[in-house]
Amino acid sequence: MYCHCEYMTSMKDDRLQLRVDAAAKRRLEAAASAAHLSVTAFVLQAASRAADDVLAERQTIHLSPNAAVALTEALNRPAQVNERLAAALQRPAKFTWLD
């Protein structure tokens, strides 16, 4: 399986160093060879996938079925504008979205 990723093709001017025992190094070399990759590319690809998984997990909300129904119902209810919300909508935004 081949994955073309931006981090694999961009300019490389930073360094990341690892210390591993001989058995771990042999295992990484064997796996990299089987994947037709250099050890560096193999380790970077594997570490990047793991990083993506960790970051995605932190952006995912896990809800029970009851909580999911409650959230959906709350989101589907029309917003009720009160005085504080109306006042907040009249104030200039502190932040702007960048394109």
N, C-alpha and C. Protein backbone atom coordinates (compact mmCIF):
# COMPACT_ATOMS: atom_id res chain seq x y z
N MET A 1 0.84 -1.17 0.00
CA MET A 1 0.00 0.00 0.00
C MET A 1 0.89 1.24 0.00
N TYR A 2 0.59 2.16 -0.88
CA TYR A 2 1.39 3.38 -0.99
C TYR A 2 0.56 4.56 -0.54
N CYS A 3 1.13 5.41 0.25
CA CYS A 3 0.43 6.59 0.74
C CYS A 3 1.26 7.81 0.36
N HIS A 4 0.72 8.66 -0.49
CA HIS A 4 1.41 9.90 -0.83
C HIS A 4 0.92 10.96 0.14
N CYS A 5 1.81 11.46 0.95
CA CYS A 5 1.43 12.42 1.98
C CYS A 5 2.28 13.67 1.83
N GLU A 6 1.71 14.81 2.17
CA GLU A 6 2.41 16.08 2.06
C GLU A 6 3.71 16.06 2.86
N TYR A 7 3.68 15.47 4.05
CA TYR A 7 4.88 15.45 4.89
C TYR A 7 5.99 14.61 4.28
N MET A 8 5.65 13.74 3.33
CA MET A 8 6.67 12.90 2.71
C MET A 8 7.39 13.62 1.58
N THR A 9 6.79 14.68 1.03
CA THR A 9 7.37 15.32 -0.14
C THR A 9 7.84 16.75 0.12
N SER A 10 7.55 17.30 1.26
CA SER A 10 7.93 18.68 1.52
C SER A 10 9.42 18.77 1.87
N MET A 11 9.93 20.00 1.89
CA MET A 11 11.34 20.24 2.19
C MET A 11 11.68 19.70 3.58
N LYS A 12 12.76 18.98 3.67
CA LYS A 12 13.15 18.36 4.93
C LYS A 12 14.40 19.05 5.47
N ASP A 13 14.19 19.87 6.49
CA ASP A 13 15.35 20.55 7.07
C ASP A 13 15.40 20.39 8.59
N ASP A 14 14.47 19.65 9.17
CA ASP A 14 14.51 19.34 10.60
C ASP A 14 14.94 17.90 10.79
N ARG A 15 15.47 17.62 11.97
CA ARG A 15 16.00 16.29 12.25
C ARG A 15 15.29 15.69 13.44
N LEU A 16 15.07 14.39 13.40
CA LEU A 16 14.50 13.64 14.51
C LEU A 16 15.39 12.43 14.72
N GLN A 17 15.94 12.28 15.92
CA GLN A 17 16.86 11.17 16.17
C GLN A 17 16.23 10.19 17.14
N LEU A 18 16.49 8.89 16.91
CA LEU A 18 15.99 7.83 17.78
C LEU A 18 17.14 6.95 18.23
N ARG A 19 16.99 6.40 19.39
CA ARG A 19 17.91 5.35 19.84
C ARG A 19 17.06 4.11 20.03
N VAL A 20 17.46 3.02 19.39
CA VAL A 20 16.73 1.76 19.50
C VAL A 20 17.71 0.63 19.74
N ASP A 21 17.20 -0.46 20.31
CA ASP A 21 18.09 -1.62 20.48
C ASP A 21 18.22 -2.34 19.13
N ALA A 22 19.17 -3.23 19.05
CA ALA A 22 19.49 -3.90 17.79
C ALA A 22 18.30 -4.68 17.24
N ALA A 23 17.55 -5.33 18.11
CA ALA A 23 16.40 -6.12 17.65
C ALA A 23 15.32 -5.23 17.04
N ALA A 24 15.06 -4.09 17.67
CA ALA A 24 14.07 -3.16 17.13
C ALA A 24 14.52 -2.61 15.79
N LYS A 25 15.82 -2.31 15.67
CA LYS A 25 16.34 -1.80 14.41
C LYS A 25 16.19 -2.83 13.30
N ARG A 26 16.53 -4.09 13.60
CA ARG A 26 16.39 -5.16 12.59
C ARG A 26 14.93 -5.32 12.17
N ARG A 27 14.03 -5.23 13.13
CA ARG A 27 12.60 -5.36 12.83
C ARG A 27 12.13 -4.22 11.93
N LEU A 28 12.54 -3.00 12.24
CA LEU A 28 12.17 -1.85 11.41
C LEU A 28 12.76 -1.97 10.01
N GLU A 29 14.01 -2.41 9.93
CA GLU A 29 14.65 -2.58 8.62
C GLU A 29 13.92 -3.64 7.80
N ALA A 30 13.53 -4.74 8.43
CA ALA A 30 12.82 -5.80 7.71
C ALA A 30 11.46 -5.31 7.23
N ALA A 31 10.75 -4.60 8.08
CA ALA A 31 9.43 -4.09 7.70
C ALA A 31 9.55 -3.04 6.60
N ALA A 32 10.53 -2.17 6.71
CA ALA A 32 10.75 -1.14 5.68
C ALA A 32 11.07 -1.79 4.35
N SER A 33 11.92 -2.80 4.38
CA SER A 33 12.28 -3.51 3.16
C SER A 33 11.05 -4.17 2.54
N ALA A 34 10.22 -4.81 3.36
CA ALA A 34 9.01 -5.46 2.86
C ALA A 34 8.04 -4.46 2.25
N ALA A 35 8.06 -3.23 2.75
CA ALA A 35 7.18 -2.18 2.24
C ALA A 35 7.83 -1.39 1.10
N HIS A 36 9.06 -1.79 0.72
CA HIS A 36 9.81 -1.11 -0.34
C HIS A 36 10.03 0.37 0.00
N LEU A 37 10.39 0.62 1.26
CA LEU A 37 10.66 1.97 1.74
C LEU A 37 12.00 2.00 2.45
N SER A 38 12.57 3.18 2.54
CA SER A 38 13.75 3.33 3.40
C SER A 38 13.26 3.25 4.84
N VAL A 39 14.18 2.98 5.75
CA VAL A 39 13.80 2.93 7.17
C VAL A 39 13.25 4.29 7.59
N THR A 40 13.88 5.35 7.14
CA THR A 40 13.42 6.70 7.48
C THR A 40 11.98 6.92 7.01
N ALA A 41 11.71 6.59 5.75
CA ALA A 41 10.36 6.78 5.21
C ALA A 41 9.35 5.90 5.94
N PHE A 42 9.75 4.65 6.24
CA PHE A 42 8.86 3.73 6.94
C PHE A 42 8.52 4.26 8.33
N VAL A 43 9.53 4.67 9.08
CA VAL A 43 9.30 5.16 10.44
C VAL A 43 8.49 6.45 10.41
N LEU A 44 8.80 7.36 9.49
CA LEU A 44 8.05 8.60 9.39
C LEU A 44 6.59 8.33 9.05
N GLN A 45 6.36 7.43 8.10
CA GLN A 45 4.99 7.10 7.70
C GLN A 45 4.22 6.49 8.88
N ALA A 46 4.83 5.55 9.58
CA ALA A 46 4.17 4.90 10.72
C ALA A 46 3.91 5.90 11.85
N ALA A 47 4.90 6.72 12.15
CA ALA A 47 4.74 7.70 13.23
C ALA A 47 3.69 8.74 12.86
N SER A 48 3.67 9.15 11.61
CA SER A 48 2.69 10.14 11.17
C SER A 48 1.27 9.58 11.24
N ARG A 49 1.11 8.33 10.86
CA ARG A 49 -0.22 7.69 10.98
C ARG A 49 -0.65 7.63 12.44
N ALA A 50 0.27 7.25 13.31
CA ALA A 50 -0.05 7.18 14.74
C ALA A 50 -0.41 8.56 15.27
N ALA A 51 0.33 9.58 14.85
CA ALA A 51 0.03 10.95 15.28
C ALA A 51 -1.35 11.38 14.79
N ASP A 52 -1.66 11.07 13.53
CA ASP A 52 -2.98 11.40 12.99
C ASP A 52 -4.08 10.71 13.78
N ASP A 53 -3.87 9.44 14.14
CA ASP A 53 -4.87 8.70 14.92
C ASP A 53 -5.09 9.35 16.29
N VAL A 54 -4.01 9.70 16.96
CA VAL A 54 -4.12 10.33 18.28
C VAL A 54 -4.85 11.66 18.18
N LEU A 55 -4.48 12.47 17.20
CA LEU A 55 -5.11 13.78 17.05
C LEU A 55 -6.58 13.64 16.65
N ALA A 56 -6.90 12.68 15.79
CA ALA A 56 -8.30 12.45 15.40
C ALA A 56 -9.12 11.99 16.60
N GLU A 57 -8.54 11.15 17.43
CA GLU A 57 -9.25 10.67 18.62
C GLU A 57 -9.60 11.83 19.54
N ARG A 58 -8.72 12.81 19.62
CA ARG A 58 -8.98 13.96 20.50
C ARG A 58 -10.04 14.88 19.92
N GLN A 59 -10.37 14.73 18.63
CA GLN A 59 -11.39 15.55 18.00
C GLN A 59 -12.72 14.81 17.87
N THR A 60 -12.79 13.59 18.37
CA THR A 60 -13.99 12.77 18.25
C THR A 60 -14.69 12.70 19.60
N ILE A 61 -15.99 12.86 19.56
CA ILE A 61 -16.79 12.76 20.78
C ILE A 61 -17.52 11.42 20.74
N HIS A 62 -17.38 10.66 21.80
CA HIS A 62 -18.07 9.37 21.92
C HIS A 62 -19.26 9.55 22.84
N LEU A 63 -20.45 9.25 22.33
CA LEU A 63 -21.67 9.41 23.12
C LEU A 63 -22.42 8.09 23.20
N SER A 64 -23.10 7.90 24.30
CA SER A 64 -24.01 6.76 24.41
C SER A 64 -25.20 7.04 23.48
N PRO A 65 -25.97 6.02 23.13
CA PRO A 65 -27.14 6.27 22.28
C PRO A 65 -28.09 7.31 22.87
N ASN A 66 -28.33 7.25 24.18
CA ASN A 66 -29.22 8.24 24.81
C ASN A 66 -28.64 9.64 24.74
N ALA A 67 -27.36 9.77 24.98
CA ALA A 67 -26.72 11.08 24.92
C ALA A 67 -26.74 11.62 23.49
N ALA A 68 -26.57 10.74 22.50
CA ALA A 68 -26.61 11.16 21.10
C ALA A 68 -27.99 11.69 20.73
N VAL A 69 -29.04 11.01 21.20
CA VAL A 69 -30.41 11.48 20.95
C VAL A 69 -30.63 12.83 21.61
N ALA A 70 -30.20 12.97 22.86
CA ALA A 70 -30.37 14.24 23.58
C ALA A 70 -29.64 15.37 22.88
N LEU A 71 -28.42 15.10 22.41
CA LEU A 71 -27.65 16.13 21.71
C LEU A 71 -28.34 16.52 20.40
N THR A 72 -28.80 15.53 19.65
CA THR A 72 -29.48 15.80 18.38
C THR A 72 -30.73 16.63 18.61
N GLU A 73 -31.50 16.28 19.63
CA GLU A 73 -32.72 17.05 19.93
C GLU A 73 -32.37 18.49 20.31
N ALA A 74 -31.34 18.66 21.11
CA ALA A 74 -30.94 20.00 21.52
C ALA A 74 -30.47 20.83 20.33
N LEU A 75 -29.73 20.21 19.42
CA LEU A 75 -29.24 20.93 18.24
C LEU A 75 -30.37 21.26 17.27
N ASN A 76 -31.41 20.44 17.25
CA ASN A 76 -32.52 20.66 16.33
C ASN A 76 -33.53 21.68 16.84
N ARG A 77 -33.48 22.00 18.13
CA ARG A 77 -34.40 23.01 18.68
C ARG A 77 -33.98 24.39 18.17
N PRO A 78 -34.96 25.22 17.82
CA PRO A 78 -34.61 26.58 17.39
C PRO A 78 -33.96 27.35 18.54
N ALA A 79 -33.02 28.17 18.19
CA ALA A 79 -32.34 28.99 19.21
C ALA A 79 -33.33 30.00 19.77
N GLN A 80 -33.20 30.24 21.05
CA GLN A 80 -34.03 31.26 21.69
C GLN A 80 -33.13 32.45 22.00
N VAL A 81 -33.46 33.55 21.38
CA VAL A 81 -32.65 34.75 21.57
C VAL A 81 -33.11 35.46 22.84
N ASN A 82 -32.18 35.63 23.76
CA ASN A 82 -32.47 36.40 24.97
C ASN A 82 -31.68 37.70 24.91
N GLU A 83 -31.82 38.52 25.93
CA GLU A 83 -31.17 39.84 25.91
C GLU A 83 -29.65 39.74 25.79
N ARG A 84 -29.05 38.82 26.52
CA ARG A 84 -27.59 38.70 26.48
C ARG A 84 -27.11 38.27 25.09
N LEU A 85 -27.82 37.32 24.47
CA LEU A 85 -27.42 36.88 23.13
C LEU A 85 -27.60 38.01 22.13
N ALA A 86 -28.72 38.72 22.21
CA ALA A 86 -28.95 39.84 21.30
C ALA A 86 -27.86 40.90 21.44
N ALA A 87 -27.47 41.19 22.68
CA ALA A 87 -26.42 42.18 22.91
C ALA A 87 -25.09 41.69 22.36
N ALA A 88 -24.79 40.41 22.55
CA ALA A 88 -23.53 39.85 22.04
C ALA A 88 -23.49 39.92 20.52
N LEU A 89 -24.61 39.70 19.88
CA LEU A 89 -24.64 39.74 18.41
C LEU A 89 -24.44 41.15 17.87
N GLN A 90 -24.68 42.15 18.68
CA GLN A 90 -24.51 43.54 18.25
C GLN A 90 -23.07 44.03 18.40
N ARG A 91 -22.29 43.36 19.27
CA ARG A 91 -20.90 43.79 19.48
C ARG A 91 -20.02 43.36 18.30
N PRO A 92 -18.97 44.16 18.00
CA PRO A 92 -18.05 43.74 16.94
C PRO A 92 -17.29 42.47 17.36
N ALA A 93 -16.99 41.66 16.39
CA ALA A 93 -16.27 40.41 16.66
C ALA A 93 -14.85 40.69 17.13
N LYS A 94 -14.39 39.92 18.11
CA LYS A 94 -13.01 40.05 18.57
C LYS A 94 -12.05 39.32 17.65
N PHE A 95 -12.55 38.34 16.96
CA PHE A 95 -11.72 37.52 16.08
C PHE A 95 -12.32 37.53 14.68
N THR A 96 -11.46 37.36 13.70
CA THR A 96 -11.95 37.23 12.33
C THR A 96 -11.42 35.93 11.76
N TRP A 97 -12.13 35.35 10.84
CA TRP A 97 -11.70 34.12 10.17
C TRP A 97 -10.72 34.48 9.08
N LEU A 98 -9.64 33.74 9.00
CA LEU A 98 -8.65 33.97 7.95
C LEU A 98 -8.94 33.03 6.79
N ASP A 99 -8.83 33.55 5.59
CA ASP A 99 -9.05 32.70 4.41
C ASP A 99 -7.85 31.87 4.10
